[in-house]
Amino acid sequence: MRSRRSTLAVPGSNPRFIEKARGLPVDEFFLDLEDAVAPAVKEEARNTVVAALNEGGWDGRTRVVRVNDLSTHWTYRDVIEVVEGAGANLDCVMLPKVQDASHVQWLDLLLTQIETAMGYEPGRIGIEAQIEDARGMTNIDAIAAASPRLEALVFGPGDFMASINMRTLVVGEQPPGYTEGDAYHHILMRILLAARAHDLQAVDGPYFNVRDVEAFTRVARRSAALGFDGKWVLHPAQIDAANEVFSPGQEDYDHAELILDAYEYHTTVEKRGAATLGDEMIDEASRKMALVIAAKGRAAGLTRTTAFTPPDR
């Protein structure tokens, strides 16, 4: 899977912001045609986005465009013009405000038609589905299973909070008066479970107080602890925090690699299904847990600093 520790939102109508984004150390960026673009310039922004993708300079990062949602008259032209104009330099299309599986299926079909017409590899362009209201959440299992192109489920907290009448004006923060537990725990866990059930990634949405890095880090740690793969960043100040929070520490990464080595040794050489690594019992469940941490570490570019030594026989 692609690394999505940090996903940078970039207004598709702002060439200056797009140029600055090229030099930022994010795993993924998306050029936005939806909320960050005023209605009067949405059509013009498509040309800016196509040019930005074709000009390159993104250094292996995941290249995404967020189109407008299907309740608008812009969506189909967003997809057609962007994919026809820059499909060879596009990794995923993000569809906002997904409410049921038919939204994803519509985009899948349109992408297939464009790829066929343009001679692109069928199915190469992925889809990210944004869950932003109560209806989308209630249909999330069907949405997660809607297309083999689907790569990630993305939480859209602002619209979601409004859709359920949550009493707060700070996107991503606990609502005033909610003092017991976490108001977002069920929402985040529901997205995570649907994603994992269908081998998808789960990405947390933005935190709007962009200069409060301490608060951003606190909120990011919440979703990272649950198992989310990354979080949106709206400002360069948030990038390092996101990359760090959604990467395992060196010690955890080394330990995960040691578990994998030890389990492989004991099951293949000693023919044992359960064994020890130092004072720690390890088995198949340990291996599965270690695979998660090791994969995140490798995706983050970590290299191991310890080597497994087989025990004396």
C-alpha atoms as a PDB file:
ATOM      1  CA  MET A   1       0.000   0.000   0.000  1.00  0.00           C
ATOM      2  CA  ARG A   2       1.035   3.617  -0.517  1.00  0.00           C
ATOM      3  CA  SER A   3       2.279   5.536   2.493  1.00  0.00           C
ATOM      4  CA  ARG A   4      -0.274   8.130   3.621  1.00  0.00           C
ATOM      5  CA  ARG A   5       1.120   9.342   6.946  1.00  0.00           C
ATOM      6  CA  SER A   6       0.686  12.950   5.834  1.00  0.00           C
ATOM      7  CA  THR A   7      -1.776  14.056   3.149  1.00  0.00           C
ATOM      8  CA  LEU A   8      -1.429  17.712   2.189  1.00  0.00           C
ATOM      9  CA  ALA A   9      -4.454  19.668   0.993  1.00  0.00           C
ATOM     10  CA  VAL A  10      -3.496  22.085  -1.814  1.00  0.00           C
ATOM     11  CA  PRO A  11      -5.988  24.527  -3.404  1.00  0.00           C
ATOM     12  CA  GLY A  12      -6.169  23.631  -7.087  1.00  0.00           C
ATOM     13  CA  SER A  13      -6.717  27.259  -8.079  1.00  0.00           C
ATOM     14  CA  ASN A  14      -3.558  28.628  -6.438  1.00  0.00           C
ATOM     15  CA  PRO A  15      -0.349  28.179  -8.487  1.00  0.00           C
ATOM     16  CA  ARG A  16       1.776  29.668  -5.688  1.00  0.00           C
ATOM     17  CA  PHE A  17       0.543  27.116  -3.139  1.00  0.00           C
ATOM     18  CA  ILE A  18       0.977  24.312  -5.675  1.00  0.00           C
ATOM     19  CA  GLU A  19       4.581  25.310  -6.325  1.00  0.00           C
ATOM     20  CA  LYS A  20       5.328  25.479  -2.604  1.00  0.00           C
ATOM     21  CA  ALA A  21       3.787  22.025  -2.091  1.00  0.00           C
ATOM     22  CA  ARG A  22       6.354  20.463  -4.427  1.00  0.00           C
ATOM     23  CA  GLY A  23       9.091  21.002  -1.855  1.00  0.00           C
ATOM     24  CA  LEU A  24       7.264  19.734   1.227  1.00  0.00           C
ATOM     25  CA  PRO A  25       8.048  16.295   2.750  1.00  0.00           C
ATOM     26  CA  VAL A  26       4.550  14.808   2.653  1.00  0.00           C
ATOM     27  CA  ASP A  27       3.657  11.269   1.610  1.00  0.00           C
ATOM     28  CA  GLU A  28       0.647  12.388  -0.421  1.00  0.00           C
ATOM     29  CA  PHE A  29      -0.853  15.615  -1.677  1.00  0.00           C
ATOM     30  CA  PHE A  30      -4.218  16.318  -3.212  1.00  0.00           C
ATOM     31  CA  LEU A  31      -4.959  19.189  -5.537  1.00  0.00           C
ATOM     32  CA  ASP A  32      -8.391  20.321  -4.451  1.00  0.00           C
ATOM     33  CA  LEU A  33     -11.197  21.289  -6.810  1.00  0.00           C
ATOM     34  CA  GLU A  34     -13.856  21.207  -4.096  1.00  0.00           C
ATOM     35  CA  ASP A  35     -14.030  23.251  -0.871  1.00  0.00           C
ATOM     36  CA  ALA A  36     -10.754  25.148  -1.373  1.00  0.00           C
ATOM     37  CA  VAL A  37     -11.870  26.563  -4.747  1.00  0.00           C
ATOM     38  CA  ALA A  38     -14.479  29.299  -5.160  1.00  0.00           C
ATOM     39  CA  PRO A  39     -17.401  28.433  -7.481  1.00  0.00           C
ATOM     40  CA  ALA A  40     -16.480  31.181  -9.953  1.00  0.00           C
ATOM     41  CA  VAL A  41     -13.037  29.676 -10.668  1.00  0.00           C
ATOM     42  CA  LYS A  42     -13.696  25.931 -10.452  1.00  0.00           C
ATOM     43  CA  GLU A  43     -13.587  25.387 -14.206  1.00  0.00           C
ATOM     44  CA  GLU A  44     -10.388  27.415 -14.556  1.00  0.00           C
ATOM     45  CA  ALA A  45      -8.847  25.455 -11.658  1.00  0.00           C
ATOM     46  CA  ARG A  46      -9.102  22.228 -13.666  1.00  0.00           C
ATOM     47  CA  ASN A  47      -6.585  23.605 -16.151  1.00  0.00           C
ATOM     48  CA  THR A  48      -4.263  24.646 -13.326  1.00  0.00           C
ATOM     49  CA  VAL A  49      -4.453  21.162 -11.800  1.00  0.00           C
ATOM     50  CA  VAL A  50      -3.770  19.422 -15.123  1.00  0.00           C
ATOM     51  CA  ALA A  51      -0.743  21.633 -15.748  1.00  0.00           C
ATOM     52  CA  ALA A  52       0.594  21.048 -12.229  1.00  0.00           C
ATOM     53  CA  LEU A  53       0.374  17.264 -12.572  1.00  0.00           C
ATOM     54  CA  ASN A  54       1.995  17.244 -16.007  1.00  0.00           C
ATOM     55  CA  GLU A  55       4.814  19.552 -14.963  1.00  0.00           C
ATOM     56  CA  GLY A  56       5.941  16.934 -12.420  1.00  0.00           C
ATOM     57  CA  GLY A  57       8.371  17.577  -9.606  1.00  0.00           C
ATOM     58  CA  TRP A  58       6.413  15.531  -7.059  1.00  0.00           C
ATOM     59  CA  ASP A  59       9.299  13.134  -6.288  1.00  0.00           C
ATOM     60  CA  GLY A  60       7.424   9.877  -5.916  1.00  0.00           C
ATOM     61  CA  ARG A  61       4.652  11.186  -3.678  1.00  0.00           C
ATOM     62  CA  THR A  62       1.105   9.971  -4.201  1.00  0.00           C
ATOM     63  CA  ARG A  63      -0.652  12.362  -6.599  1.00  0.00           C
ATOM     64  CA  VAL A  64      -4.367  12.872  -5.945  1.00  0.00           C
ATOM     65  CA  VAL A  65      -7.073  15.236  -7.166  1.00  0.00           C
ATOM     66  CA  ARG A  66     -10.206  15.854  -5.123  1.00  0.00           C
ATOM     67  CA  VAL A  67     -13.135  16.489  -7.436  1.00  0.00           C
ATOM     68  CA  ASN A  68     -16.438  18.062  -6.458  1.00  0.00           C
ATOM     69  CA  ASP A  69     -19.123  15.916  -4.888  1.00  0.00           C
ATOM     70  CA  LEU A  70     -21.852  14.243  -6.891  1.00  0.00           C
ATOM     71  CA  SER A  71     -24.572  16.646  -5.783  1.00  0.00           C
ATOM     72  CA  THR A  72     -22.931  19.338  -7.945  1.00  0.00           C
ATOM     73  CA  HIS A  73     -22.843  19.915 -11.696  1.00  0.00           C
ATOM     74  CA  TRP A  74     -19.031  20.098 -11.739  1.00  0.00           C
ATOM     75  CA  THR A  75     -18.137  16.519 -10.866  1.00  0.00           C
ATOM     76  CA  TYR A  76     -18.293  14.720 -14.205  1.00  0.00           C
ATOM     77  CA  ARG A  77     -16.335  17.438 -15.999  1.00  0.00           C
ATOM     78  CA  ASP A  78     -13.768  17.466 -13.169  1.00  0.00           C
ATOM     79  CA  VAL A  79     -13.099  13.772 -13.701  1.00  0.00           C
ATOM     80  CA  ILE A  80     -13.114  13.888 -17.502  1.00  0.00           C
ATOM     81  CA  GLU A  81     -10.889  16.941 -17.921  1.00  0.00           C
ATOM     82  CA  VAL A  82      -8.371  15.989 -15.220  1.00  0.00           C
ATOM     83  CA  VAL A  83      -8.030  12.327 -16.209  1.00  0.00           C
ATOM     84  CA  GLU A  84      -7.983  12.983 -19.954  1.00  0.00           C
ATOM     85  CA  GLY A  85      -5.512  15.821 -19.464  1.00  0.00           C
ATOM     86  CA  ALA A  86      -3.189  14.306 -16.851  1.00  0.00           C
ATOM     87  CA  GLY A  87      -4.234  10.715 -16.208  1.00  0.00           C
ATOM     88  CA  ALA A  88      -0.730   9.415 -16.873  1.00  0.00           C
ATOM     89  CA  ASN A  89       0.515  11.548 -13.962  1.00  0.00           C
ATOM     90  CA  LEU A  90      -2.345  10.875 -11.547  1.00  0.00           C
ATOM     91  CA  ASP A  91      -2.469   8.145  -8.893  1.00  0.00           C
ATOM     92  CA  CYS A  92      -5.911   8.576  -7.330  1.00  0.00           C
ATOM     93  CA  VAL A  93      -9.140  10.531  -7.522  1.00  0.00           C
ATOM     94  CA  MET A  94     -10.681  11.555  -4.209  1.00  0.00           C
ATOM     95  CA  LEU A  95     -14.482  11.644  -4.161  1.00  0.00           C
ATOM     96  CA  PRO A  96     -15.924  13.752  -1.334  1.00  0.00           C
ATOM     97  CA  LYS A  97     -19.227  13.333   0.502  1.00  0.00           C
ATOM     98  CA  VAL A  98     -19.682   9.688  -0.517  1.00  0.00           C
ATOM     99  CA  GLN A  99     -23.087   8.573   0.759  1.00  0.00           C
ATOM    100  CA  ASP A 100     -23.509   5.113  -0.704  1.00  0.00           C
ATOM    101  CA  ALA A 101     -21.773   2.523  -2.868  1.00  0.00           C
ATOM    102  CA  SER A 102     -23.294   3.867  -6.084  1.00  0.00           C
ATOM    103  CA  HIS A 103     -21.156   7.013  -5.823  1.00  0.00           C
ATOM    104  CA  VAL A 104     -17.941   4.988  -5.892  1.00  0.00           C
ATOM    105  CA  GLN A 105     -19.299   2.697  -8.608  1.00  0.00           C
ATOM    106  CA  TRP A 106     -20.146   5.729 -10.771  1.00  0.00           C
ATOM    107  CA  LEU A 107     -16.592   7.017 -10.487  1.00  0.00           C
ATOM    108  CA  ASP A 108     -15.129   3.565 -11.167  1.00  0.00           C
ATOM    109  CA  LEU A 109     -17.166   3.234 -14.366  1.00  0.00           C
ATOM    110  CA  LEU A 110     -16.294   6.726 -15.603  1.00  0.00           C
ATOM    111  CA  LEU A 111     -12.581   6.146 -14.922  1.00  0.00           C
ATOM    112  CA  THR A 112     -12.709   2.879 -16.849  1.00  0.00           C
ATOM    113  CA  GLN A 113     -14.330   4.578 -19.831  1.00  0.00           C
ATOM    114  CA  ILE A 114     -11.732   7.362 -19.861  1.00  0.00           C
ATOM    115  CA  GLU A 115      -8.816   4.961 -19.433  1.00  0.00           C
ATOM    116  CA  THR A 116     -10.091   2.863 -22.330  1.00  0.00           C
ATOM    117  CA  ALA A 117     -10.592   5.873 -24.579  1.00  0.00           C
ATOM    118  CA  MET A 118      -7.170   7.336 -23.738  1.00  0.00           C
ATOM    119  CA  GLY A 119      -5.219   4.090 -23.902  1.00  0.00           C
ATOM    120  CA  TYR A 120      -4.312   4.145 -20.196  1.00  0.00           C
ATOM    121  CA  GLU A 121      -3.839   0.963 -18.196  1.00  0.00           C
ATOM    122  CA  PRO A 122      -7.359  -0.048 -17.052  1.00  0.00           C
ATOM    123  CA  GLY A 123      -7.809   0.157 -13.306  1.00  0.00           C
ATOM    124  CA  ARG A 124      -4.517   1.910 -12.554  1.00  0.00           C
ATOM    125  CA  ILE A 125      -6.048   5.078 -11.135  1.00  0.00           C
ATOM    126  CA  GLY A 126      -7.247   4.493  -7.578  1.00  0.00           C
ATOM    127  CA  ILE A 127     -10.109   6.004  -5.594  1.00  0.00           C
ATOM    128  CA  GLU A 128     -10.217   7.566  -2.147  1.00  0.00           C
ATOM    129  CA  ALA A 129     -13.713   7.863  -0.656  1.00  0.00           C
ATOM    130  CA  GLN A 130     -14.435  10.610   1.845  1.00  0.00           C
ATOM    131  CA  ILE A 131     -17.012   9.850   4.555  1.00  0.00           C
ATOM    132  CA  GLU A 132     -18.553  13.153   5.582  1.00  0.00           C
ATOM    133  CA  ASP A 133     -22.085  12.625   6.852  1.00  0.00           C
ATOM    134  CA  ALA A 134     -24.359  10.279   8.762  1.00  0.00           C
ATOM    135  CA  ARG A 135     -25.697   8.602   5.633  1.00  0.00           C
ATOM    136  CA  GLY A 136     -22.219   7.779   4.401  1.00  0.00           C
ATOM    137  CA  MET A 137     -21.328   6.337   7.794  1.00  0.00           C
ATOM    138  CA  THR A 138     -24.375   4.086   7.903  1.00  0.00           C
ATOM    139  CA  ASN A 139     -23.501   2.765   4.422  1.00  0.00           C
ATOM    140  CA  ILE A 140     -19.765   2.494   5.023  1.00  0.00           C
ATOM    141  CA  ASP A 141     -19.463  -1.285   4.653  1.00  0.00           C
ATOM    142  CA  ALA A 142     -21.094  -1.212   1.211  1.00  0.00           C
ATOM    143  CA  ILE A 143     -18.954   1.786   0.251  1.00  0.00           C
ATOM    144  CA  ALA A 144     -15.766  -0.018   1.299  1.00  0.00           C
ATOM    145  CA  ALA A 145     -16.691  -2.970  -0.916  1.00  0.00           C
ATOM    146  CA  ALA A 146     -17.848  -0.891  -3.891  1.00  0.00           C
ATOM    147  CA  SER A 147     -14.782  -1.020  -6.168  1.00  0.00           C
ATOM    148  CA  PRO A 148     -11.421  -2.765  -6.532  1.00  0.00           C
ATOM    149  CA  ARG A 149      -9.991   0.704  -7.264  1.00  0.00           C
ATOM    150  CA  LEU A 150     -10.751   1.861  -3.737  1.00  0.00           C
ATOM    151  CA  GLU A 151      -7.552   2.440  -1.748  1.00  0.00           C
ATOM    152  CA  ALA A 152      -8.593   4.465   1.288  1.00  0.00           C
ATOM    153  CA  LEU A 153     -11.495   5.701   3.386  1.00  0.00           C
ATOM    154  CA  VAL A 154     -11.021   9.296   4.531  1.00  0.00           C
ATOM    155  CA  PHE A 155     -12.810  10.957   7.454  1.00  0.00           C
ATOM    156  CA  GLY A 156     -14.192  14.427   6.706  1.00  0.00           C
ATOM    157  CA  PRO A 157     -14.792  15.855  10.190  1.00  0.00           C
ATOM    158  CA  GLY A 158     -16.153  19.313   9.368  1.00  0.00           C
ATOM    159  CA  ASP A 159     -19.099  18.265   7.242  1.00  0.00           C
ATOM    160  CA  PHE A 160     -19.642  15.206   9.417  1.00  0.00           C
ATOM    161  CA  MET A 161     -19.894  17.263  12.606  1.00  0.00           C
ATOM    162  CA  ALA A 162     -22.435  19.518  10.914  1.00  0.00           C
ATOM    163  CA  SER A 163     -24.437  16.549   9.595  1.00  0.00           C
ATOM    164  CA  ILE A 164     -25.018  15.168  13.103  1.00  0.00           C
ATOM    165  CA  ASN A 165     -25.501  18.611  14.708  1.00  0.00           C
ATOM    166  CA  MET A 166     -22.427  18.286  16.907  1.00  0.00           C
ATOM    167  CA  ARG A 167     -22.165  21.441  19.013  1.00  0.00           C
ATOM    168  CA  THR A 168     -18.702  22.711  18.189  1.00  0.00           C
ATOM    169  CA  LEU A 169     -17.055  25.187  15.841  1.00  0.00           C
ATOM    170  CA  VAL A 170     -13.501  23.796  15.992  1.00  0.00           C
ATOM    171  CA  VAL A 171     -12.995  21.068  13.407  1.00  0.00           C
ATOM    172  CA  GLY A 172     -11.318  18.056  14.974  1.00  0.00           C
ATOM    173  CA  GLU A 173     -11.666  19.117  18.616  1.00  0.00           C
ATOM    174  CA  GLN A 174     -13.901  17.654  21.308  1.00  0.00           C
ATOM    175  CA  PRO A 175     -17.249  19.484  21.536  1.00  0.00           C
ATOM    176  CA  PRO A 176     -17.584  21.813  24.549  1.00  0.00           C
ATOM    177  CA  GLY A 177     -19.208  20.006  27.450  1.00  0.00           C
ATOM    178  CA  TYR A 178     -18.093  16.543  26.306  1.00  0.00           C
ATOM    179  CA  THR A 179     -15.854  15.564  29.198  1.00  0.00           C
ATOM    180  CA  GLU A 180     -16.166  11.779  29.305  1.00  0.00           C
ATOM    181  CA  GLY A 181     -14.123   9.834  26.762  1.00  0.00           C
ATOM    182  CA  ASP A 182     -13.735  10.786  23.095  1.00  0.00           C
ATOM    183  CA  ALA A 183     -16.666  12.052  21.031  1.00  0.00           C
ATOM    184  CA  TYR A 184     -15.018  10.733  17.850  1.00  0.00           C
ATOM    185  CA  HIS A 185     -14.061   7.264  19.028  1.00  0.00           C
ATOM    186  CA  HIS A 186     -17.054   5.431  17.537  1.00  0.00           C
ATOM    187  CA  ILE A 187     -16.800   7.385  14.272  1.00  0.00           C
ATOM    188  CA  LEU A 188     -13.091   6.698  13.815  1.00  0.00           C
ATOM    189  CA  MET A 189     -13.378   3.057  14.821  1.00  0.00           C
ATOM    190  CA  ARG A 190     -16.294   2.522  12.425  1.00  0.00           C
ATOM    191  CA  ILE A 191     -14.240   3.874   9.528  1.00  0.00           C
ATOM    192  CA  LEU A 192     -11.225   1.831  10.581  1.00  0.00           C
ATOM    193  CA  LEU A 193     -13.161  -1.434  10.837  1.00  0.00           C
ATOM    194  CA  ALA A 194     -14.739  -0.987   7.397  1.00  0.00           C
ATOM    195  CA  ALA A 195     -11.352  -0.146   5.901  1.00  0.00           C
ATOM    196  CA  ARG A 196      -9.564  -3.128   7.409  1.00  0.00           C
ATOM    197  CA  ALA A 197     -12.364  -5.533   6.521  1.00  0.00           C
ATOM    198  CA  HIS A 198     -11.735  -4.674   2.862  1.00  0.00           C
ATOM    199  CA  ASP A 199      -7.935  -4.223   2.947  1.00  0.00           C
ATOM    200  CA  LEU A 200      -8.144  -0.445   2.644  1.00  0.00           C
ATOM    201  CA  GLN A 201      -6.245   2.324   4.363  1.00  0.00           C
ATOM    202  CA  ALA A 202      -7.907   4.687   6.832  1.00  0.00           C
ATOM    203  CA  VAL A 203      -6.980   8.378   6.852  1.00  0.00           C
ATOM    204  CA  ASP A 204      -8.038  10.892   9.500  1.00  0.00           C
ATOM    205  CA  GLY A 205      -9.204  14.311   8.411  1.00  0.00           C
ATOM    206  CA  PRO A 206      -7.821  17.789   9.149  1.00  0.00           C
ATOM    207  CA  TYR A 207      -7.343  19.794  12.310  1.00  0.00           C
ATOM    208  CA  PHE A 208      -8.194  23.394  11.502  1.00  0.00           C
ATOM    209  CA  ASN A 209      -6.171  25.272  14.126  1.00  0.00           C
ATOM    210  CA  VAL A 210      -3.160  25.002  11.854  1.00  0.00           C
ATOM    211  CA  ARG A 211      -0.590  26.828  14.008  1.00  0.00           C
ATOM    212  CA  ASP A 212      -1.280  24.845  17.174  1.00  0.00           C
ATOM    213  CA  VAL A 213       1.063  21.955  16.423  1.00  0.00           C
ATOM    214  CA  GLU A 214       0.798  20.624  19.961  1.00  0.00           C
ATOM    215  CA  ALA A 215      -2.978  20.252  19.634  1.00  0.00           C
ATOM    216  CA  PHE A 216      -2.620  18.739  16.154  1.00  0.00           C
ATOM    217  CA  THR A 217      -0.158  16.186  17.526  1.00  0.00           C
ATOM    218  CA  ARG A 218      -2.504  15.294  20.391  1.00  0.00           C
ATOM    219  CA  VAL A 219      -5.401  14.725  18.000  1.00  0.00           C
ATOM    220  CA  ALA A 220      -3.232  12.786  15.535  1.00  0.00           C
ATOM    221  CA  ARG A 221      -2.027  10.453  18.281  1.00  0.00           C
ATOM    222  CA  ARG A 222      -5.640   9.520  18.972  1.00  0.00           C
ATOM    223  CA  SER A 223      -6.268   8.123  15.493  1.00  0.00           C
ATOM    224  CA  ALA A 224      -2.740   6.717  15.172  1.00  0.00           C
ATOM    225  CA  ALA A 225      -3.235   4.748  18.386  1.00  0.00           C
ATOM    226  CA  LEU A 226      -6.382   3.190  16.946  1.00  0.00           C
ATOM    227  CA  GLY A 227      -4.520   2.102  13.808  1.00  0.00           C
ATOM    228  CA  PHE A 228      -5.166   4.849  11.237  1.00  0.00           C
ATOM    229  CA  ASP A 229      -2.566   5.145   8.493  1.00  0.00           C
ATOM    230  CA  GLY A 230      -2.287   8.925   8.399  1.00  0.00           C
ATOM    231  CA  LYS A 231      -3.916  12.313   8.665  1.00  0.00           C
ATOM    232  CA  TRP A 232      -4.538  15.382   6.531  1.00  0.00           C
ATOM    233  CA  VAL A 233      -2.268  18.376   6.975  1.00  0.00           C
ATOM    234  CA  LEU A 234      -3.353  21.891   6.065  1.00  0.00           C
ATOM    235  CA  HIS A 235      -0.138  23.756   6.867  1.00  0.00           C
ATOM    236  CA  PRO A 236       3.589  22.982   6.573  1.00  0.00           C
ATOM    237  CA  ALA A 237       3.877  23.256  10.367  1.00  0.00           C
ATOM    238  CA  GLN A 238       1.788  20.080  10.751  1.00  0.00           C
ATOM    239  CA  ILE A 239       3.790  17.862   8.377  1.00  0.00           C
ATOM    240  CA  ASP A 240       6.665  16.739  10.598  1.00  0.00           C
ATOM    241  CA  ALA A 241       4.266  15.965  13.431  1.00  0.00           C
ATOM    242  CA  ALA A 242       2.063  13.820  11.188  1.00  0.00           C
ATOM    243  CA  ASN A 243       5.014  11.905   9.735  1.00  0.00           C
ATOM    244  CA  GLU A 244       6.376  11.229  13.207  1.00  0.00           C
ATOM    245  CA  VAL A 245       3.063  10.263  14.845  1.00  0.00           C
ATOM    246  CA  PHE A 246       2.113   7.809  12.110  1.00  0.00           C
ATOM    247  CA  SER A 247       5.543   6.165  11.971  1.00  0.00           C
ATOM    248  CA  PRO A 248       6.669   3.578  14.525  1.00  0.00           C
ATOM    249  CA  GLY A 249       9.601   4.493  16.730  1.00  0.00           C
ATOM    250  CA  GLN A 250      12.964   2.941  15.933  1.00  0.00           C
ATOM    251  CA  GLU A 251      12.790   0.644  18.953  1.00  0.00           C
ATOM    252  CA  ASP A 252       9.321  -0.649  18.036  1.00  0.00           C
ATOM    253  CA  TYR A 253      10.344  -1.131  14.417  1.00  0.00           C
ATOM    254  CA  ASP A 254      13.469  -3.085  15.365  1.00  0.00           C
ATOM    255  CA  HIS A 255      11.445  -5.220  17.757  1.00  0.00           C
ATOM    256  CA  ALA A 256       8.868  -5.996  15.083  1.00  0.00           C
ATOM    257  CA  GLU A 257      11.564  -7.129  12.644  1.00  0.00           C
ATOM    258  CA  LEU A 258      13.113  -9.313  15.339  1.00  0.00           C
ATOM    259  CA  ILE A 259       9.750 -10.952  16.020  1.00  0.00           C
ATOM    260  CA  LEU A 260       9.350 -11.747  12.319  1.00  0.00           C
ATOM    261  CA  ASP A 261      12.849 -13.216  12.104  1.00  0.00           C
ATOM    262  CA  ALA A 262      12.437 -15.239  15.286  1.00  0.00           C
ATOM    263  CA  TYR A 263       9.054 -16.586  14.282  1.00  0.00           C
ATOM    264  CA  GLU A 264      10.366 -17.575  10.853  1.00  0.00           C
ATOM    265  CA  TYR A 265      13.333 -19.368  12.448  1.00  0.00           C
ATOM    266  CA  HIS A 266      11.321 -21.258  15.062  1.00  0.00           C
ATOM    267  CA  THR A 267       8.559 -22.348  12.667  1.00  0.00           C
ATOM    268  CA  THR A 268      10.822 -23.430   9.807  1.00  0.00           C
ATOM    269  CA  VAL A 269      14.001 -24.639  11.509  1.00  0.00           C
ATOM    270  CA  GLU A 270      12.712 -25.874  14.840  1.00  0.00           C
ATOM    271  CA  LYS A 271       9.210 -26.671  13.554  1.00  0.00           C
ATOM    272  CA  ARG A 272       7.538 -24.977  16.511  1.00  0.00           C
ATOM    273  CA  GLY A 273       4.349 -22.951  16.331  1.00  0.00           C
ATOM    274  CA  ALA A 274       5.124 -20.953  19.477  1.00  0.00           C
ATOM    275  CA  ALA A 275       8.493 -19.886  20.828  1.00  0.00           C
ATOM    276  CA  THR A 276      10.273 -17.142  22.716  1.00  0.00           C
ATOM    277  CA  LEU A 277      12.218 -14.024  21.842  1.00  0.00           C
ATOM    278  CA  GLY A 278      14.186 -13.291  24.976  1.00  0.00           C
ATOM    279  CA  ASP A 279      11.567 -13.413  27.721  1.00  0.00           C
ATOM    280  CA  GLU A 280       8.676 -12.816  25.319  1.00  0.00           C
ATOM    281  CA  MET A 281       6.344 -15.502  24.022  1.00  0.00           C
ATOM    282  CA  ILE A 282       5.664 -15.209  20.278  1.00  0.00           C
ATOM    283  CA  ASP A 283       3.199 -17.042  18.042  1.00  0.00           C
ATOM    284  CA  GLU A 284       1.171 -16.476  14.872  1.00  0.00           C
ATOM    285  CA  ALA A 285      -0.725 -13.592  16.466  1.00  0.00           C
ATOM    286  CA  SER A 286       2.603 -11.988  17.380  1.00  0.00           C
ATOM    287  CA  ARG A 287       3.708 -12.328  13.758  1.00  0.00           C
ATOM    288  CA  LYS A 288       0.576 -10.593  12.462  1.00  0.00           C
ATOM    289  CA  MET A 289       0.997  -7.705  14.886  1.00  0.00           C
ATOM    290  CA  ALA A 290       4.677  -7.386  13.989  1.00  0.00           C
ATOM    291  CA  LEU A 291       3.862  -7.314  10.291  1.00  0.00           C
ATOM    292  CA  VAL A 292       1.795  -4.163  10.824  1.00  0.00           C
ATOM    293  CA  ILE A 293       4.570  -2.292  12.644  1.00  0.00           C
ATOM    294  CA  ALA A 294       7.283  -3.528  10.277  1.00  0.00           C
ATOM    295  CA  ALA A 295       5.294  -2.467   7.216  1.00  0.00           C
ATOM    296  CA  LYS A 296       4.700   1.018   8.639  1.00  0.00           C
ATOM    297  CA  GLY A 297       8.373   1.337   9.487  1.00  0.00           C
ATOM    298  CA  ARG A 298       9.524   0.271   6.047  1.00  0.00           C
ATOM    299  CA  ALA A 299       7.054   2.656   4.413  1.00  0.00           C
ATOM    300  CA  ALA A 300       8.465   5.442   6.582  1.00  0.00           C
ATOM    301  CA  GLY A 301      11.976   4.641   5.383  1.00  0.00           C
ATOM    302  CA  LEU A 302      13.288   3.211   8.660  1.00  0.00           C
ATOM    303  CA  THR A 303      16.175   0.767   8.570  1.00  0.00           C
ATOM    304  CA  ARG A 304      16.727  -1.799  11.284  1.00  0.00           C
ATOM    305  CA  THR A 305      19.566  -1.392  13.763  1.00  0.00           C
ATOM    306  CA  THR A 306      19.446  -4.875  15.305  1.00  0.00           C
ATOM    307  CA  ALA A 307      19.913  -8.350  13.838  1.00  0.00           C
ATOM    308  CA  PHE A 308      18.350 -11.637  14.901  1.00  0.00           C
ATOM    309  CA  THR A 309      20.708 -14.218  16.340  1.00  0.00           C
ATOM    310  CA  PRO A 310      19.360 -17.814  16.440  1.00  0.00           C
ATOM    311  CA  PRO A 311      19.554 -19.371  19.908  1.00  0.00           C
ATOM    312  CA  ASP A 312      22.125 -22.029  20.613  1.00  0.00           C
ATOM    313  CA  ARG A 313      20.637 -25.404  19.843  1.00  0.00           C
END
